[in-house]
Amino acid sequence: MDAKTRRRARVRRHVRVRRKIAGTAARPRLAVYRSNRHIYAQLVDDDAARTLIAASDRDVRVGEAGKGEAGKAKGASQGKTAPAKAVGELLAERAKAAGIDRVVFARGGRLFHGRVAALAEGAREKGLQI
């Protein structure tokens, strides 16, 4: 499958899911955007069309998470998932401070696997109900 077909399939999934879910002030939508290098998450109130809370791995300092002595010696697969989990935890902390405890999860057409799942797991561990 070439890149254009893969992107079209992701966008099609994203649009299909967005037709069914929408965020409100009481239960905002947790929107996840994953680039090749970073991951971003925000809580969106679709009724008012505004972002309530945002977090990204640029806000989080995980350090050299997942790197061994030789850079990629041990745990190299955790290079991007550990910061993603930390983003979920940070977002949940900010949401709790704003009085939000329940959200609806929008994965942006991506599979619920890897970094997207790690972000959701981090948010759940800090008490956010998805």
N, C-alpha and C. Protein backbone atom coordinates (compact mmCIF):
# COMPACT_ATOMS: atom_id res chain seq x y z
N MET A 1 0.85 -1.17 0.00
CA MET A 1 0.00 0.00 0.00
C MET A 1 0.90 1.24 0.00
N ASP A 2 0.70 2.13 -0.96
CA ASP A 2 1.55 3.31 -1.03
C ASP A 2 1.07 4.38 -0.03
N ALA A 3 1.86 5.43 0.10
CA ALA A 3 1.62 6.43 1.13
C ALA A 3 0.29 7.17 0.92
N LYS A 4 -0.05 7.46 -0.33
CA LYS A 4 -1.30 8.19 -0.59
C LYS A 4 -2.51 7.36 -0.19
N THR A 5 -2.49 6.08 -0.52
CA THR A 5 -3.60 5.20 -0.16
C THR A 5 -3.72 5.06 1.35
N ARG A 6 -2.59 4.93 2.02
CA ARG A 6 -2.58 4.80 3.48
C ARG A 6 -3.15 6.06 4.13
N ARG A 7 -2.73 7.22 3.62
CA ARG A 7 -3.23 8.49 4.17
C ARG A 7 -4.73 8.62 3.92
N ARG A 8 -5.17 8.31 2.72
CA ARG A 8 -6.60 8.39 2.41
C ARG A 8 -7.42 7.49 3.33
N ALA A 9 -6.92 6.30 3.60
CA ALA A 9 -7.62 5.37 4.49
C ALA A 9 -7.70 5.93 5.90
N ARG A 10 -6.62 6.54 6.38
CA ARG A 10 -6.61 7.14 7.72
C ARG A 10 -7.59 8.30 7.79
N VAL A 11 -7.59 9.15 6.79
CA VAL A 11 -8.51 10.29 6.77
C VAL A 11 -9.96 9.81 6.70
N ARG A 12 -10.22 8.76 5.94
CA ARG A 12 -11.56 8.20 5.85
C ARG A 12 -12.01 7.69 7.21
N ARG A 13 -11.13 6.98 7.92
CA ARG A 13 -11.46 6.50 9.28
C ARG A 13 -11.71 7.68 10.21
N HIS A 14 -10.87 8.70 10.11
CA HIS A 14 -10.98 9.88 10.97
C HIS A 14 -12.33 10.57 10.77
N VAL A 15 -12.72 10.77 9.53
CA VAL A 15 -13.99 11.43 9.23
C VAL A 15 -15.16 10.58 9.70
N ARG A 16 -15.09 9.28 9.51
CA ARG A 16 -16.17 8.38 9.92
C ARG A 16 -16.37 8.43 11.43
N VAL A 17 -15.28 8.42 12.17
CA VAL A 17 -15.38 8.45 13.63
C VAL A 17 -15.84 9.82 14.11
N ARG A 18 -15.36 10.89 13.47
CA ARG A 18 -15.73 12.24 13.90
C ARG A 18 -17.21 12.54 13.68
N ARG A 19 -17.85 11.83 12.74
CA ARG A 19 -19.28 11.99 12.54
C ARG A 19 -20.05 11.52 13.77
N LYS A 20 -19.48 10.55 14.48
CA LYS A 20 -20.19 9.92 15.58
C LYS A 20 -19.87 10.52 16.95
N ILE A 21 -18.68 11.08 17.13
CA ILE A 21 -18.32 11.60 18.44
C ILE A 21 -18.09 13.10 18.38
N ALA A 22 -18.49 13.77 19.45
CA ALA A 22 -18.27 15.21 19.58
C ALA A 22 -18.06 15.51 21.05
N GLY A 23 -17.23 16.49 21.32
CA GLY A 23 -16.94 16.86 22.69
C GLY A 23 -17.86 17.98 23.15
N THR A 24 -18.18 17.96 24.43
CA THR A 24 -18.97 19.02 25.04
C THR A 24 -18.15 19.61 26.17
N ALA A 25 -18.69 20.62 26.82
CA ALA A 25 -17.97 21.22 27.95
C ALA A 25 -17.88 20.23 29.10
N ALA A 26 -18.94 19.42 29.29
CA ALA A 26 -18.94 18.44 30.37
C ALA A 26 -18.04 17.25 30.06
N ARG A 27 -18.03 16.83 28.80
CA ARG A 27 -17.21 15.70 28.38
C ARG A 27 -16.51 16.04 27.06
N PRO A 28 -15.36 16.70 27.14
CA PRO A 28 -14.67 17.13 25.91
C PRO A 28 -14.05 15.96 25.16
N ARG A 29 -13.71 16.24 23.91
CA ARG A 29 -13.08 15.24 23.04
C ARG A 29 -11.57 15.32 23.23
N LEU A 30 -10.95 14.18 23.51
CA LEU A 30 -9.49 14.11 23.61
C LEU A 30 -8.98 13.80 22.20
N ALA A 31 -8.49 14.82 21.52
CA ALA A 31 -8.01 14.67 20.15
C ALA A 31 -6.50 14.43 20.18
N VAL A 32 -6.06 13.39 19.47
CA VAL A 32 -4.66 13.03 19.44
C VAL A 32 -4.12 13.23 18.03
N TYR A 33 -2.99 13.94 17.93
CA TYR A 33 -2.30 14.08 16.66
C TYR A 33 -0.90 13.50 16.83
N ARG A 34 -0.53 12.62 15.94
CA ARG A 34 0.76 11.95 16.01
C ARG A 34 1.54 12.24 14.74
N SER A 35 2.67 12.90 14.90
CA SER A 35 3.56 13.08 13.75
C SER A 35 4.66 12.02 13.86
N ASN A 36 5.58 12.05 12.93
CA ASN A 36 6.66 11.07 12.98
C ASN A 36 7.54 11.27 14.20
N ARG A 37 7.68 12.49 14.64
CA ARG A 37 8.61 12.79 15.73
C ARG A 37 7.93 13.12 17.06
N HIS A 38 6.77 13.76 17.01
CA HIS A 38 6.11 14.24 18.23
C HIS A 38 4.69 13.70 18.33
N ILE A 39 4.09 13.92 19.50
CA ILE A 39 2.68 13.59 19.72
C ILE A 39 2.04 14.73 20.49
N TYR A 40 0.84 15.10 20.06
CA TYR A 40 0.11 16.22 20.63
C TYR A 40 -1.28 15.73 21.03
N ALA A 41 -1.81 16.28 22.11
CA ALA A 41 -3.15 15.93 22.56
C ALA A 41 -3.83 17.20 23.08
N GLN A 42 -5.11 17.28 22.83
CA GLN A 42 -5.86 18.42 23.35
C GLN A 42 -7.28 18.02 23.68
N LEU A 43 -7.86 18.72 24.63
CA LEU A 43 -9.26 18.52 24.99
C LEU A 43 -10.05 19.62 24.31
N VAL A 44 -11.04 19.21 23.49
CA VAL A 44 -11.77 20.15 22.66
C VAL A 44 -13.25 20.13 23.02
N ASP A 45 -13.82 21.32 23.20
CA ASP A 45 -15.26 21.49 23.34
C ASP A 45 -15.80 21.83 21.96
N ASP A 46 -16.42 20.85 21.29
CA ASP A 46 -16.91 21.06 19.93
C ASP A 46 -18.12 21.97 19.87
N ASP A 47 -18.89 22.07 20.95
CA ASP A 47 -20.05 22.97 20.97
C ASP A 47 -19.60 24.43 20.87
N ALA A 48 -18.58 24.78 21.64
CA ALA A 48 -18.06 26.15 21.63
C ALA A 48 -16.92 26.32 20.62
N ALA A 49 -16.48 25.21 20.00
CA ALA A 49 -15.38 25.21 19.02
C ALA A 49 -14.12 25.84 19.58
N ARG A 50 -13.71 25.34 20.76
CA ARG A 50 -12.48 25.84 21.34
C ARG A 50 -11.72 24.75 22.08
N THR A 51 -10.42 24.94 22.15
CA THR A 51 -9.55 24.01 22.86
C THR A 51 -9.52 24.39 24.33
N LEU A 52 -9.79 23.44 25.19
CA LEU A 52 -9.80 23.69 26.63
C LEU A 52 -8.41 23.51 27.23
N ILE A 53 -7.76 22.39 26.88
CA ILE A 53 -6.46 22.05 27.45
C ILE A 53 -5.63 21.38 26.36
N ALA A 54 -4.34 21.65 26.36
CA ALA A 54 -3.46 21.02 25.37
C ALA A 54 -2.17 20.57 26.05
N ALA A 55 -1.56 19.55 25.49
CA ALA A 55 -0.28 19.05 25.98
C ALA A 55 0.44 18.36 24.82
N SER A 56 1.74 18.35 24.87
CA SER A 56 2.52 17.65 23.85
C SER A 56 3.80 17.14 24.47
N ASP A 57 4.52 16.33 23.71
CA ASP A 57 5.78 15.83 24.24
C ASP A 57 6.84 16.92 24.28
N ARG A 58 6.56 18.07 23.69
CA ARG A 58 7.47 19.19 23.80
C ARG A 58 7.34 19.86 25.17
N ASP A 59 6.18 19.67 25.83
CA ASP A 59 5.96 20.19 27.18
C ASP A 59 6.57 19.29 28.24
N VAL A 60 6.78 18.03 27.89
CA VAL A 60 7.21 17.01 28.84
C VAL A 60 8.70 16.76 28.68
N ARG A 61 9.39 16.65 29.78
CA ARG A 61 10.81 16.29 29.76
C ARG A 61 10.94 14.89 30.32
N VAL A 62 10.99 13.91 29.44
CA VAL A 62 11.13 12.53 29.88
C VAL A 62 12.61 12.19 29.99
N GLY A 63 13.45 13.00 29.39
CA GLY A 63 14.89 12.74 29.41
C GLY A 63 15.26 11.74 28.36
N GLU A 64 16.18 10.91 28.66
CA GLU A 64 16.65 9.90 27.72
C GLU A 64 15.89 8.59 27.93
N ALA A 65 14.57 8.70 27.94
CA ALA A 65 13.75 7.51 28.19
C ALA A 65 13.94 6.48 27.10
N GLY A 66 14.21 5.28 27.52
CA GLY A 66 14.30 4.19 26.57
C GLY A 66 15.67 4.01 25.94
N LYS A 67 16.65 4.78 26.36
CA LYS A 67 17.97 4.63 25.74
C LYS A 67 18.94 3.98 26.72
N GLY A 68 19.67 3.04 26.24
CA GLY A 68 20.66 2.36 27.05
C GLY A 68 22.02 3.04 26.93
N GLU A 69 23.09 2.33 27.30
CA GLU A 69 24.42 2.92 27.26
C GLU A 69 24.86 3.25 25.83
N ALA A 70 24.49 2.41 24.89
CA ALA A 70 24.93 2.61 23.52
C ALA A 70 23.90 3.39 22.70
N GLY A 71 22.99 4.09 23.34
CA GLY A 71 22.00 4.87 22.62
C GLY A 71 20.77 4.05 22.29
N LYS A 72 20.96 2.91 21.63
CA LYS A 72 19.83 2.06 21.28
C LYS A 72 20.05 0.63 21.77
N ALA A 73 20.85 0.48 22.79
CA ALA A 73 21.20 -0.86 23.23
C ALA A 73 20.01 -1.61 23.81
N LYS A 74 19.35 -1.03 24.81
CA LYS A 74 18.23 -1.75 25.40
C LYS A 74 17.04 -0.81 25.53
N GLY A 75 15.86 -1.34 25.28
CA GLY A 75 14.65 -0.56 25.40
C GLY A 75 14.47 0.48 24.32
N ALA A 76 15.06 0.29 23.17
CA ALA A 76 14.96 1.29 22.11
C ALA A 76 13.54 1.45 21.61
N SER A 77 12.71 0.43 21.79
CA SER A 77 11.33 0.54 21.33
C SER A 77 10.52 1.50 22.19
N GLN A 78 11.01 1.87 23.36
CA GLN A 78 10.32 2.80 24.23
C GLN A 78 10.69 4.25 23.95
N GLY A 79 11.40 4.51 22.88
CA GLY A 79 11.87 5.85 22.57
C GLY A 79 10.76 6.85 22.37
N LYS A 80 9.62 6.46 21.82
CA LYS A 80 8.54 7.40 21.59
C LYS A 80 7.31 7.10 22.44
N THR A 81 7.19 5.89 22.95
CA THR A 81 6.01 5.56 23.73
C THR A 81 6.08 6.11 25.15
N ALA A 82 7.27 6.20 25.73
CA ALA A 82 7.39 6.76 27.07
C ALA A 82 7.00 8.24 27.10
N PRO A 83 7.46 9.06 26.17
CA PRO A 83 6.98 10.45 26.15
C PRO A 83 5.48 10.54 25.88
N ALA A 84 4.93 9.65 25.07
CA ALA A 84 3.50 9.68 24.79
C ALA A 84 2.70 9.39 26.07
N LYS A 85 3.17 8.46 26.86
CA LYS A 85 2.50 8.16 28.12
C LYS A 85 2.60 9.36 29.07
N ALA A 86 3.74 10.02 29.07
CA ALA A 86 3.92 11.21 29.92
C ALA A 86 3.00 12.34 29.47
N VAL A 87 2.75 12.46 28.17
CA VAL A 87 1.82 13.46 27.66
C VAL A 87 0.41 13.17 28.17
N GLY A 88 0.01 11.91 28.16
CA GLY A 88 -1.30 11.54 28.69
C GLY A 88 -1.43 11.88 30.17
N GLU A 89 -0.37 11.62 30.92
CA GLU A 89 -0.38 11.94 32.35
C GLU A 89 -0.47 13.45 32.57
N LEU A 90 0.30 14.22 31.80
CA LEU A 90 0.28 15.67 31.93
C LEU A 90 -1.09 16.23 31.56
N LEU A 91 -1.67 15.72 30.50
CA LEU A 91 -2.99 16.18 30.07
C LEU A 91 -4.03 15.87 31.15
N ALA A 92 -3.95 14.70 31.74
CA ALA A 92 -4.90 14.32 32.79
C ALA A 92 -4.75 15.23 34.01
N GLU A 93 -3.52 15.56 34.38
CA GLU A 93 -3.30 16.45 35.52
C GLU A 93 -3.89 17.83 35.25
N ARG A 94 -3.68 18.34 34.03
CA ARG A 94 -4.23 19.65 33.67
C ARG A 94 -5.75 19.60 33.62
N ALA A 95 -6.31 18.49 33.17
CA ALA A 95 -7.76 18.35 33.11
C ALA A 95 -8.35 18.30 34.51
N LYS A 96 -7.71 17.56 35.41
CA LYS A 96 -8.19 17.48 36.79
C LYS A 96 -8.18 18.86 37.44
N ALA A 97 -7.12 19.65 37.17
CA ALA A 97 -7.04 20.99 37.72
C ALA A 97 -8.15 21.90 37.18
N ALA A 98 -8.61 21.62 35.96
CA ALA A 98 -9.68 22.41 35.35
C ALA A 98 -11.06 21.84 35.68
N GLY A 99 -11.12 20.75 36.42
CA GLY A 99 -12.39 20.18 36.83
C GLY A 99 -13.00 19.22 35.82
N ILE A 100 -12.17 18.68 34.92
CA ILE A 100 -12.65 17.73 33.92
C ILE A 100 -12.18 16.34 34.33
N ASP A 101 -13.11 15.39 34.41
CA ASP A 101 -12.71 14.04 34.78
C ASP A 101 -13.14 12.98 33.77
N ARG A 102 -14.00 13.35 32.79
CA ARG A 102 -14.44 12.39 31.77
C ARG A 102 -14.22 13.00 30.39
N VAL A 103 -13.71 12.20 29.46
CA VAL A 103 -13.50 12.65 28.08
C VAL A 103 -13.93 11.55 27.12
N VAL A 104 -14.09 11.93 25.87
CA VAL A 104 -14.34 10.96 24.81
C VAL A 104 -13.09 10.96 23.94
N PHE A 105 -12.59 9.79 23.60
CA PHE A 105 -11.28 9.65 22.94
C PHE A 105 -11.44 9.64 21.43
N ALA A 106 -10.70 10.53 20.75
CA ALA A 106 -10.67 10.56 19.28
C ALA A 106 -9.22 10.32 18.87
N ARG A 107 -8.98 9.21 18.22
CA ARG A 107 -7.61 8.81 17.90
C ARG A 107 -7.12 9.33 16.56
N GLY A 108 -7.93 10.12 15.87
CA GLY A 108 -7.50 10.73 14.61
C GLY A 108 -7.32 9.75 13.47
N GLY A 109 -8.09 8.66 13.47
CA GLY A 109 -7.97 7.68 12.41
C GLY A 109 -6.82 6.72 12.57
N ARG A 110 -6.03 6.90 13.59
CA ARG A 110 -4.89 6.00 13.84
C ARG A 110 -5.36 4.76 14.57
N LEU A 111 -4.54 3.71 14.51
CA LEU A 111 -4.83 2.50 15.28
C LEU A 111 -4.62 2.77 16.76
N PHE A 112 -5.43 2.14 17.60
CA PHE A 112 -5.25 2.26 19.05
C PHE A 112 -4.13 1.30 19.44
N HIS A 113 -2.91 1.74 19.20
CA HIS A 113 -1.74 0.89 19.37
C HIS A 113 -0.54 1.80 19.53
N GLY A 114 0.47 1.35 20.23
CA GLY A 114 1.73 2.09 20.32
C GLY A 114 1.58 3.40 21.07
N ARG A 115 1.98 4.49 20.41
CA ARG A 115 1.99 5.79 21.07
C ARG A 115 0.59 6.29 21.41
N VAL A 116 -0.38 6.03 20.55
CA VAL A 116 -1.75 6.47 20.82
C VAL A 116 -2.30 5.73 22.05
N ALA A 117 -2.07 4.45 22.14
CA ALA A 117 -2.52 3.68 23.29
C ALA A 117 -1.77 4.08 24.55
N ALA A 118 -0.48 4.39 24.44
CA ALA A 118 0.31 4.80 25.60
C ALA A 118 -0.21 6.12 26.15
N LEU A 119 -0.59 7.04 25.27
CA LEU A 119 -1.15 8.32 25.71
C LEU A 119 -2.45 8.08 26.49
N ALA A 120 -3.31 7.24 25.97
CA ALA A 120 -4.58 6.94 26.64
C ALA A 120 -4.33 6.24 27.98
N GLU A 121 -3.36 5.34 28.01
CA GLU A 121 -3.03 4.64 29.26
C GLU A 121 -2.52 5.61 30.32
N GLY A 122 -1.66 6.53 29.91
CA GLY A 122 -1.14 7.53 30.85
C GLY A 122 -2.25 8.41 31.41
N ALA A 123 -3.20 8.79 30.56
CA ALA A 123 -4.33 9.61 31.02
C ALA A 123 -5.21 8.83 31.99
N ARG A 124 -5.43 7.55 31.69
CA ARG A 124 -6.26 6.72 32.58
C ARG A 124 -5.59 6.53 33.93
N GLU A 125 -4.26 6.34 33.93
CA GLU A 125 -3.55 6.13 35.19
C GLU A 125 -3.65 7.32 36.11
N LYS A 126 -3.75 8.51 35.55
CA LYS A 126 -3.88 9.73 36.37
C LYS A 126 -5.32 10.06 36.70
N GLY A 127 -6.26 9.16 36.34
CA GLY A 127 -7.63 9.31 36.80
C GLY A 127 -8.60 9.87 35.79
N LEU A 128 -8.22 10.05 34.57
CA LEU A 128 -9.13 10.55 33.54
C LEU A 128 -9.95 9.38 33.01
N GLN A 129 -11.26 9.51 32.96
CA GLN A 129 -12.12 8.43 32.45
C GLN A 129 -12.32 8.60 30.97
N ILE A 130 -11.93 7.57 30.22
CA ILE A 130 -12.06 7.61 28.76
C ILE A 130 -13.16 6.64 28.36
